[in-house]
C-alpha atoms as a PDB file:
ATOM      1  CA  MET A   1      72.125  91.174  93.916  1.00  0.00           C
ATOM      2  CA  LEU A   2      74.193  89.845  96.729  1.00  0.00           C
ATOM      3  CA  PHE A   3      71.335  89.359  99.161  1.00  0.00           C
ATOM      4  CA  PRO A   4      68.192  88.107  96.586  1.00  0.00           C
ATOM      5  CA  ARG A   5      66.594  86.936  99.961  1.00  0.00           C
ATOM      6  CA  LEU A   6      66.606  89.390 102.287  1.00  0.00           C
ATOM      7  CA  ARG A   7      63.159  91.221 102.133  1.00  0.00           C
ATOM      8  CA  LEU A   8      62.003  94.137 104.996  1.00  0.00           C
ATOM      9  CA  TRP A   9      59.511  93.533 107.525  1.00  0.00           C
ATOM     10  CA  PRO A  10      55.736  93.700 106.566  1.00  0.00           C
ATOM     11  CA  GLN A  11      53.996  96.557 107.861  1.00  0.00           C
ATOM     12  CA  GLN A  12      51.573  94.587 109.519  1.00  0.00           C
ATOM     13  CA  GLN A  13      53.451  91.659 110.576  1.00  0.00           C
ATOM     14  CA  LEU A  14      55.715  94.455 112.338  1.00  0.00           C
ATOM     15  CA  ALA A  15      52.838  95.422 114.358  1.00  0.00           C
ATOM     16  CA  ARG A  16      52.294  92.406 115.161  1.00  0.00           C
ATOM     17  CA  ILE A  17      55.750  91.071 116.507  1.00  0.00           C
ATOM     18  CA  LEU A  18      55.950  94.746 118.649  1.00  0.00           C
ATOM     19  CA  ARG A  19      52.581  94.513 119.691  1.00  0.00           C
ATOM     20  CA  GLY A  20      52.635  94.995 123.847  1.00  0.00           C
ATOM     21  CA  MET A  21      55.663  97.501 123.131  1.00  0.00           C
ATOM     22  CA  PRO A  22      55.749 100.745 124.681  1.00  0.00           C
ATOM     23  CA  SER A  23      53.944 103.535 122.545  1.00  0.00           C
ATOM     24  CA  CYS A  24      57.728 104.909 123.176  1.00  0.00           C
ATOM     25  CA  CYS A  25      61.376 104.818 122.405  1.00  0.00           C
ATOM     26  CA  ALA A  26      62.847 102.282 124.851  1.00  0.00           C
ATOM     27  CA  LEU A  27      66.485 104.482 125.347  1.00  0.00           C
ATOM     28  CA  CYS A  28      64.792 107.753 125.377  1.00  0.00           C
ATOM     29  CA  GLY A  29      61.090 107.836 126.388  1.00  0.00           C
ATOM     30  CA  GLN A  30      59.868 110.264 123.560  1.00  0.00           C
ATOM     31  CA  ASN A  31      56.316 109.206 122.258  1.00  0.00           C
ATOM     32  CA  GLY A  32      56.657 107.670 119.427  1.00  0.00           C
ATOM     33  CA  LYS A  33      55.388 104.618 116.201  1.00  0.00           C
ATOM     34  CA  ARG A  34      58.804 103.212 116.945  1.00  0.00           C
ATOM     35  CA  VAL A  35      60.441 101.026 119.011  1.00  0.00           C
ATOM     36  CA  ILE A  36      63.455 103.229 119.222  1.00  0.00           C
ATOM     37  CA  CYS A  37      63.390 106.622 118.335  1.00  0.00           C
ATOM     38  CA  ASP A  38      65.055 108.253 114.790  1.00  0.00           C
ATOM     39  CA  GLY A  39      67.143 110.496 117.109  1.00  0.00           C
ATOM     40  CA  CYS A  40      68.088 107.438 119.462  1.00  0.00           C
ATOM     41  CA  SER A  41      68.904 105.879 116.179  1.00  0.00           C
ATOM     42  CA  LYS A  42      71.408 108.471 115.041  1.00  0.00           C
ATOM     43  CA  HIS A  43      73.169 109.383 118.005  1.00  0.00           C
ATOM     44  CA  TYR A  44      73.452 105.612 118.574  1.00  0.00           C
ATOM     45  CA  PHE A  45      73.700 102.604 116.137  1.00  0.00           C
ATOM     46  CA  ALA A  46      74.555 104.965 112.758  1.00  0.00           C
ATOM     47  CA  ASP A  47      78.311 105.109 113.576  1.00  0.00           C
ATOM     48  CA  ARG A  48      79.915 102.692 111.793  1.00  0.00           C
ATOM     49  CA  PRO A  49      83.789 102.478 113.575  1.00  0.00           C
ATOM     50  CA  ARG A  50      86.618 100.553 111.624  1.00  0.00           C
ATOM     51  CA  ARG A  51      86.417  96.963 112.916  1.00  0.00           C
ATOM     52  CA  CYS A  52      87.625  93.771 113.300  1.00  0.00           C
ATOM     53  CA  ALA A  53      87.410  91.760 109.833  1.00  0.00           C
ATOM     54  CA  GLN A  54      87.532  88.411 112.791  1.00  0.00           C
ATOM     55  CA  CYS A  55      86.003  89.300 116.399  1.00  0.00           C
ATOM     56  CA  ALA A  56      84.092  92.739 115.405  1.00  0.00           C
ATOM     57  CA  ASN A  57      86.767  94.771 117.529  1.00  0.00           C
ATOM     58  CA  PRO A  58      87.486  98.290 116.863  1.00  0.00           C
ATOM     59  CA  LEU A  59      90.441  99.092 114.773  1.00  0.00           C
ATOM     60  CA  PRO A  60      92.693 102.840 115.286  1.00  0.00           C
ATOM     61  CA  GLN A  61      91.102 105.142 112.216  1.00  0.00           C
ATOM     62  CA  PRO A  62      93.127 104.846 109.671  1.00  0.00           C
ATOM     63  CA  GLY A  63      96.304 106.391 109.020  1.00  0.00           C
ATOM     64  CA  GLY A  64      98.762 104.461 107.626  1.00  0.00           C
ATOM     65  CA  ALA A  65      98.443 100.502 106.652  1.00  0.00           C
ATOM     66  CA  SER A  66      94.486  99.257 106.268  1.00  0.00           C
ATOM     67  CA  LEU A  67      94.318  97.028 108.344  1.00  0.00           C
ATOM     68  CA  LEU A  68      92.202  94.021 108.520  1.00  0.00           C
ATOM     69  CA  GLN A  69      92.444  92.430 111.669  1.00  0.00           C
ATOM     70  CA  CYS A  70      92.762  93.554 115.213  1.00  0.00           C
ATOM     71  CA  GLY A  71      96.305  92.513 117.394  1.00  0.00           C
ATOM     72  CA  ASN A  72      94.719  89.789 119.385  1.00  0.00           C
ATOM     73  CA  CYS A  73      93.467  88.069 115.916  1.00  0.00           C
ATOM     74  CA  LEU A  74      96.827  88.282 114.917  1.00  0.00           C
ATOM     75  CA  LYS A  75      98.363  86.817 118.131  1.00  0.00           C
ATOM     76  CA  GLN A  76      95.822  84.262 118.319  1.00  0.00           C
ATOM     77  CA  ALA A  77      94.234  82.074 116.292  1.00  0.00           C
ATOM     78  CA  ARG A  78      90.004  81.764 115.749  1.00  0.00           C
ATOM     79  CA  ALA A  79      88.447  79.467 115.144  1.00  0.00           C
ATOM     80  CA  PHE A  80      85.940  81.822 113.211  1.00  0.00           C
ATOM     81  CA  ASP A  81      85.988  83.758 110.467  1.00  0.00           C
ATOM     82  CA  ALA A  82      84.432  86.976 110.685  1.00  0.00           C
ATOM     83  CA  THR A  83      82.311  88.918 112.961  1.00  0.00           C
ATOM     84  CA  ILE A  84      79.174  91.529 111.754  1.00  0.00           C
ATOM     85  CA  VAL A  85      78.381  93.262 114.974  1.00  0.00           C
ATOM     86  CA  VAL A  86      75.194  95.767 114.558  1.00  0.00           C
ATOM     87  CA  CYS A  87      76.839  98.327 118.035  1.00  0.00           C
ATOM     88  CA  ASP A  88      79.334  98.541 121.498  1.00  0.00           C
ATOM     89  CA  TYR A  89      78.294  97.841 124.346  1.00  0.00           C
ATOM     90  CA  ALA A  90      78.198 100.500 126.217  1.00  0.00           C
ATOM     91  CA  ALA A  91      75.292 102.791 127.841  1.00  0.00           C
ATOM     92  CA  PRO A  92      72.810 103.164 126.945  1.00  0.00           C
ATOM     93  CA  VAL A  93      72.166 100.378 124.622  1.00  0.00           C
ATOM     94  CA  ASP A  94      73.177  98.072 127.329  1.00  0.00           C
ATOM     95  CA  GLN A  95      70.457  98.801 128.317  1.00  0.00           C
ATOM     96  CA  LEU A  96      68.225  97.300 126.169  1.00  0.00           C
ATOM     97  CA  ILE A  97      70.160  93.940 125.454  1.00  0.00           C
ATOM     98  CA  LEU A  98      69.637  93.492 129.906  1.00  0.00           C
ATOM     99  CA  ALA A  99      66.546  94.227 129.245  1.00  0.00           C
ATOM    100  CA  LEU A 100      65.467  91.334 126.512  1.00  0.00           C
ATOM    101  CA  LYS A 101      68.247  88.436 128.300  1.00  0.00           C
ATOM    102  CA  PHE A 102      66.947  89.271 131.937  1.00  0.00           C
ATOM    103  CA  ARG A 103      63.718  91.309 131.744  1.00  0.00           C
ATOM    104  CA  GLY A 104      61.819  88.951 128.708  1.00  0.00           C
ATOM    105  CA  GLN A 105      61.347  92.433 126.874  1.00  0.00           C
ATOM    106  CA  LEU A 106      61.256  89.219 123.848  1.00  0.00           C
ATOM    107  CA  ALA A 107      59.915  92.627 121.731  1.00  0.00           C
ATOM    108  CA  LEU A 108      62.934  93.716 121.461  1.00  0.00           C
ATOM    109  CA  ALA A 109      64.705  90.911 119.901  1.00  0.00           C
ATOM    110  CA  PRO A 110      62.865  91.499 116.019  1.00  0.00           C
ATOM    111  CA  VAL A 111      64.473  94.511 116.528  1.00  0.00           C
ATOM    112  CA  PHE A 112      67.911  93.426 116.871  1.00  0.00           C
ATOM    113  CA  ALA A 113      67.333  91.160 114.303  1.00  0.00           C
ATOM    114  CA  GLN A 114      66.359  94.033 111.705  1.00  0.00           C
ATOM    115  CA  MET A 115      69.714  95.978 113.106  1.00  0.00           C
ATOM    116  CA  LEU A 116      71.611  92.639 112.126  1.00  0.00           C
ATOM    117  CA  ARG A 117      70.040  92.263 109.146  1.00  0.00           C
ATOM    118  CA  ASP A 118      70.879  95.837 108.043  1.00  0.00           C
ATOM    119  CA  ALA A 119      74.526  95.269 109.541  1.00  0.00           C
ATOM    120  CA  MET A 120      74.744  92.600 107.240  1.00  0.00           C
ATOM    121  CA  LEU A 121      74.100  94.412 103.985  1.00  0.00           C
ATOM    122  CA  LEU A 122      76.036  97.157 104.630  1.00  0.00           C
ATOM    123  CA  GLN A 123      78.883  94.507 104.948  1.00  0.00           C
ATOM    124  CA  ALA A 124      77.600  93.070 101.392  1.00  0.00           C
ATOM    125  CA  THR A 125      78.122  96.232 100.094  1.00  0.00           C
ATOM    126  CA  VAL A 126      81.778  97.193 101.564  1.00  0.00           C
ATOM    127  CA  ALA A 127      83.249  93.596 101.667  1.00  0.00           C
ATOM    128  CA  ARG A 128      80.916  91.556  99.526  1.00  0.00           C
ATOM    129  CA  LEU A 129      80.564  89.325 102.352  1.00  0.00           C
ATOM    130  CA  GLU A 130      79.247  85.841 102.061  1.00  0.00           C
ATOM    131  CA  LEU A 131      75.528  84.390 103.313  1.00  0.00           C
ATOM    132  CA  PRO A 132      75.833  81.478 105.643  1.00  0.00           C
ATOM    133  CA  GLU A 133      74.027  78.704 104.286  1.00  0.00           C
ATOM    134  CA  ILE A 134      72.378  78.264 107.612  1.00  0.00           C
ATOM    135  CA  LEU A 135      71.724  79.883 111.294  1.00  0.00           C
ATOM    136  CA  MET A 136      72.203  78.343 114.294  1.00  0.00           C
ATOM    137  CA  ALA A 137      72.115  80.385 118.214  1.00  0.00           C
ATOM    138  CA  VAL A 138      74.299  80.201 120.789  1.00  0.00           C
ATOM    139  CA  PRO A 139      72.663  77.237 123.161  1.00  0.00           C
ATOM    140  CA  LEU A 140      71.609  77.299 126.719  1.00  0.00           C
ATOM    141  CA  SER A 141      72.714  74.683 128.594  1.00  0.00           C
ATOM    142  CA  ALA A 142      69.732  73.367 129.677  1.00  0.00           C
ATOM    143  CA  GLN A 143      69.794  74.420 133.331  1.00  0.00           C
ATOM    144  CA  ARG A 144      69.756  78.099 132.489  1.00  0.00           C
ATOM    145  CA  LEU A 145      67.123  77.628 129.978  1.00  0.00           C
ATOM    146  CA  GLN A 146      64.960  76.708 132.783  1.00  0.00           C
ATOM    147  CA  GLN A 147      65.762  79.313 134.788  1.00  0.00           C
ATOM    148  CA  ARG A 148      65.192  82.015 132.019  1.00  0.00           C
ATOM    149  CA  GLY A 149      62.426  80.603 130.403  1.00  0.00           C
ATOM    150  CA  PHE A 150      63.952  81.511 126.456  1.00  0.00           C
ATOM    151  CA  ASN A 151      67.228  81.798 124.824  1.00  0.00           C
ATOM    152  CA  GLN A 152      67.680  85.311 123.978  1.00  0.00           C
ATOM    153  CA  ALA A 153      70.137  84.424 121.399  1.00  0.00           C
ATOM    154  CA  HIS A 154      67.410  82.130 119.435  1.00  0.00           C
ATOM    155  CA  GLU A 155      64.824  84.902 120.046  1.00  0.00           C
ATOM    156  CA  ILE A 156      67.222  86.319 117.570  1.00  0.00           C
ATOM    157  CA  ALA A 157      68.182  84.430 115.434  1.00  0.00           C
ATOM    158  CA  LYS A 158      64.051  83.245 114.882  1.00  0.00           C
ATOM    159  CA  PRO A 159      63.299  86.900 113.367  1.00  0.00           C
ATOM    160  CA  LEU A 160      66.789  87.349 111.971  1.00  0.00           C
ATOM    161  CA  ALA A 161      66.125  83.884 109.895  1.00  0.00           C
ATOM    162  CA  ARG A 162      62.497  84.777 108.393  1.00  0.00           C
ATOM    163  CA  LEU A 163      64.129  88.282 107.094  1.00  0.00           C
ATOM    164  CA  THR A 164      67.430  86.641 105.650  1.00  0.00           C
ATOM    165  CA  GLY A 165      65.702  83.620 104.410  1.00  0.00           C
ATOM    166  CA  ILE A 166      68.891  81.827 105.606  1.00  0.00           C
ATOM    167  CA  PRO A 167      66.876  78.502 107.172  1.00  0.00           C
ATOM    168  CA  LEU A 168      67.352  78.112 111.126  1.00  0.00           C
ATOM    169  CA  ARG A 169      69.181  75.361 112.526  1.00  0.00           C
ATOM    170  CA  HIS A 170      68.252  74.570 116.380  1.00  0.00           C
ATOM    171  CA  ASP A 171      69.634  71.055 116.534  1.00  0.00           C
ATOM    172  CA  LEU A 172      72.821  71.521 115.428  1.00  0.00           C
ATOM    173  CA  LEU A 173      75.031  72.354 119.004  1.00  0.00           C
ATOM    174  CA  GLN A 174      73.716  71.425 122.713  1.00  0.00           C
ATOM    175  CA  ARG A 175      75.470  72.842 125.637  1.00  0.00           C
ATOM    176  CA  GLN A 176      75.778  69.556 127.511  1.00  0.00           C
ATOM    177  CA  ARG A 177      76.592  72.110 130.599  1.00  0.00           C
ATOM    178  CA  ASP A 178      76.674  75.061 132.707  1.00  0.00           C
ATOM    179  CA  THR A 179      78.787  77.824 132.540  1.00  0.00           C
ATOM    180  CA  LEU A 180      80.172  80.890 134.786  1.00  0.00           C
ATOM    181  CA  PRO A 181      78.844  84.223 132.980  1.00  0.00           C
ATOM    182  CA  GLN A 182      82.132  85.275 130.275  1.00  0.00           C
ATOM    183  CA  SER A 183      81.107  88.086 132.436  1.00  0.00           C
ATOM    184  CA  MET A 184      82.148  87.749 136.131  1.00  0.00           C
ATOM    185  CA  GLY A 185      85.840  89.116 135.983  1.00  0.00           C
ATOM    186  CA  LEU A 186      87.674  86.417 134.743  1.00  0.00           C
ATOM    187  CA  ASP A 187      90.850  86.054 132.744  1.00  0.00           C
ATOM    188  CA  LEU A 188      91.668  84.471 129.726  1.00  0.00           C
ATOM    189  CA  GLU A 189      93.183  81.218 130.713  1.00  0.00           C
ATOM    190  CA  GLN A 190      89.672  81.149 133.155  1.00  0.00           C
ATOM    191  CA  ARG A 191      87.061  81.609 130.394  1.00  0.00           C
ATOM    192  CA  ARG A 192      88.632  79.394 128.080  1.00  0.00           C
ATOM    193  CA  ARG A 193      88.892  76.272 131.412  1.00  0.00           C
ATOM    194  CA  ASN A 194      85.196  77.692 131.835  1.00  0.00           C
ATOM    195  CA  LEU A 195      84.490  76.630 127.902  1.00  0.00           C
ATOM    196  CA  ARG A 196      86.688  74.084 128.156  1.00  0.00           C
ATOM    197  CA  GLN A 197      84.200  70.970 126.481  1.00  0.00           C
ATOM    198  CA  ALA A 198      81.857  72.409 127.390  1.00  0.00           C
ATOM    199  CA  PHE A 199      79.846  72.617 123.566  1.00  0.00           C
ATOM    200  CA  ALA A 200      78.829  68.999 122.131  1.00  0.00           C
ATOM    201  CA  MET A 201      78.130  67.836 118.780  1.00  0.00           C
ATOM    202  CA  ALA A 202      73.978  66.871 118.810  1.00  0.00           C
ATOM    203  CA  PRO A 203      73.338  63.346 117.121  1.00  0.00           C
ATOM    204  CA  ALA A 204      73.649  63.397 113.787  1.00  0.00           C
ATOM    205  CA  ALA A 205      74.260  66.514 113.558  1.00  0.00           C
ATOM    206  CA  SER A 206      77.567  66.473 111.320  1.00  0.00           C
ATOM    207  CA  ALA A 207      76.321  65.190 108.211  1.00  0.00           C
ATOM    208  CA  LYS A 208      74.108  68.862 108.202  1.00  0.00           C
ATOM    209  CA  ILE A 209      76.812  71.196 108.716  1.00  0.00           C
ATOM    210  CA  GLY A 210      79.963  69.324 106.326  1.00  0.00           C
ATOM    211  CA  GLY A 211      81.251  71.780 104.201  1.00  0.00           C
ATOM    212  CA  ARG A 212      78.617  74.177 105.328  1.00  0.00           C
ATOM    213  CA  HIS A 213      78.822  77.950 106.034  1.00  0.00           C
ATOM    214  CA  ILE A 214      77.187  78.285 109.029  1.00  0.00           C
ATOM    215  CA  GLY A 215      75.973  81.595 110.623  1.00  0.00           C
ATOM    216  CA  VAL A 216      76.518  82.220 114.542  1.00  0.00           C
ATOM    217  CA  VAL A 217      74.463  84.231 116.027  1.00  0.00           C
ATOM    218  CA  ASP A 218      74.081  86.114 119.704  1.00  0.00           C
ATOM    219  CA  ASP A 219      73.060  89.017 121.994  1.00  0.00           C
ATOM    220  CA  VAL A 220      77.031  90.103 122.863  1.00  0.00           C
ATOM    221  CA  MET A 221      79.890  89.475 122.688  1.00  0.00           C
ATOM    222  CA  THR A 222      82.761  90.154 125.559  1.00  0.00           C
ATOM    223  CA  THR A 223      86.006  88.325 124.435  1.00  0.00           C
ATOM    224  CA  GLY A 224      84.871  86.646 121.601  1.00  0.00           C
ATOM    225  CA  GLU A 225      85.468  83.106 123.414  1.00  0.00           C
ATOM    226  CA  THR A 226      82.134  81.424 123.802  1.00  0.00           C
ATOM    227  CA  LEU A 227      82.450  82.446 120.214  1.00  0.00           C
ATOM    228  CA  HIS A 228      86.211  80.782 120.294  1.00  0.00           C
ATOM    229  CA  ALA A 229      84.518  77.234 121.269  1.00  0.00           C
ATOM    230  CA  LEU A 230      81.551  76.896 119.929  1.00  0.00           C
ATOM    231  CA  ALA A 231      83.156  77.012 116.287  1.00  0.00           C
ATOM    232  CA  LYS A 232      85.864  74.682 117.783  1.00  0.00           C
ATOM    233  CA  THR A 233      83.417  71.996 118.181  1.00  0.00           C
ATOM    234  CA  LEU A 234      82.191  73.326 114.219  1.00  0.00           C
ATOM    235  CA  ARG A 235      84.965  73.008 112.887  1.00  0.00           C
ATOM    236  CA  ARG A 236      85.376  69.873 114.081  1.00  0.00           C
ATOM    237  CA  HIS A 237      82.974  68.666 112.294  1.00  0.00           C
ATOM    238  CA  GLY A 238      83.336  69.861 109.821  1.00  0.00           C
ATOM    239  CA  ALA A 239      81.803  73.327 108.606  1.00  0.00           C
ATOM    240  CA  ARG A 240      83.650  74.787 106.020  1.00  0.00           C
ATOM    241  CA  ARG A 241      83.229  78.418 107.698  1.00  0.00           C
ATOM    242  CA  ILE A 242      81.772  80.322 109.848  1.00  0.00           C
ATOM    243  CA  THR A 243      79.946  83.772 110.476  1.00  0.00           C
ATOM    244  CA  ASN A 244      79.745  85.467 113.817  1.00  0.00           C
ATOM    245  CA  PHE A 245      75.942  87.897 114.047  1.00  0.00           C
ATOM    246  CA  VAL A 246      75.536  89.178 117.279  1.00  0.00           C
ATOM    247  CA  PHE A 247      74.444  92.291 118.228  1.00  0.00           C
ATOM    248  CA  ALA A 248      76.184  94.650 120.342  1.00  0.00           C
ATOM    249  CA  ARG A 249      80.711  93.775 120.826  1.00  0.00           C
ATOM    250  CA  THR A 250      82.236  94.744 124.562  1.00  0.00           C
ATOM    251  CA  PRO A 251      85.235  96.923 122.871  1.00  0.00           C
END
């Protein structure tokens, strides 16, 4: 059994988590008991395009050689090894992420986690995905955390850890300075300069990641530069393998 620790939510526990959510689909507004109705699930989340194994960008449909990496990852090395995503960051799914991130709809986080767990199971079937030994969320700076009141990546990581049985650590990396949002139209060099020395290893954390496979959880991956910068820090301190688990990927 590839994922003996993965489990479904007990119905009572899931009901408690989703309490307070409207009794209608968060995407189409149709009345029902599911946060995302069956119709929207099939329409927006059933498609599984071929993706780059490293950064999860969509790949061309098979026609010739079977590609494992996109052109960007072949040209420029990434510090992380693999990326698992649920869907593309596109309308109307992007509104779910904005609702979690900027409107504080935290009850959406376990729904994202359930879908990420399902994506992990799919990859376990088709590519024998190796399960990480530790999960962590992309950290926010102290200033951004104070402004928002929560870290949306950590809110997704908590139920994902419970679903998979993988320990979640919040004491590995620190975001030592606030950075401009990577979605602000910065070019590649500006994005890298923006993230330079953004992450630092927490005191005594190196011993916890040395030789380990680390799973990094985030809500959205745009160019991958934030995850690349974070992975470089983990690599410097001995991480053996790094896999990103991200809800949505900007193509």
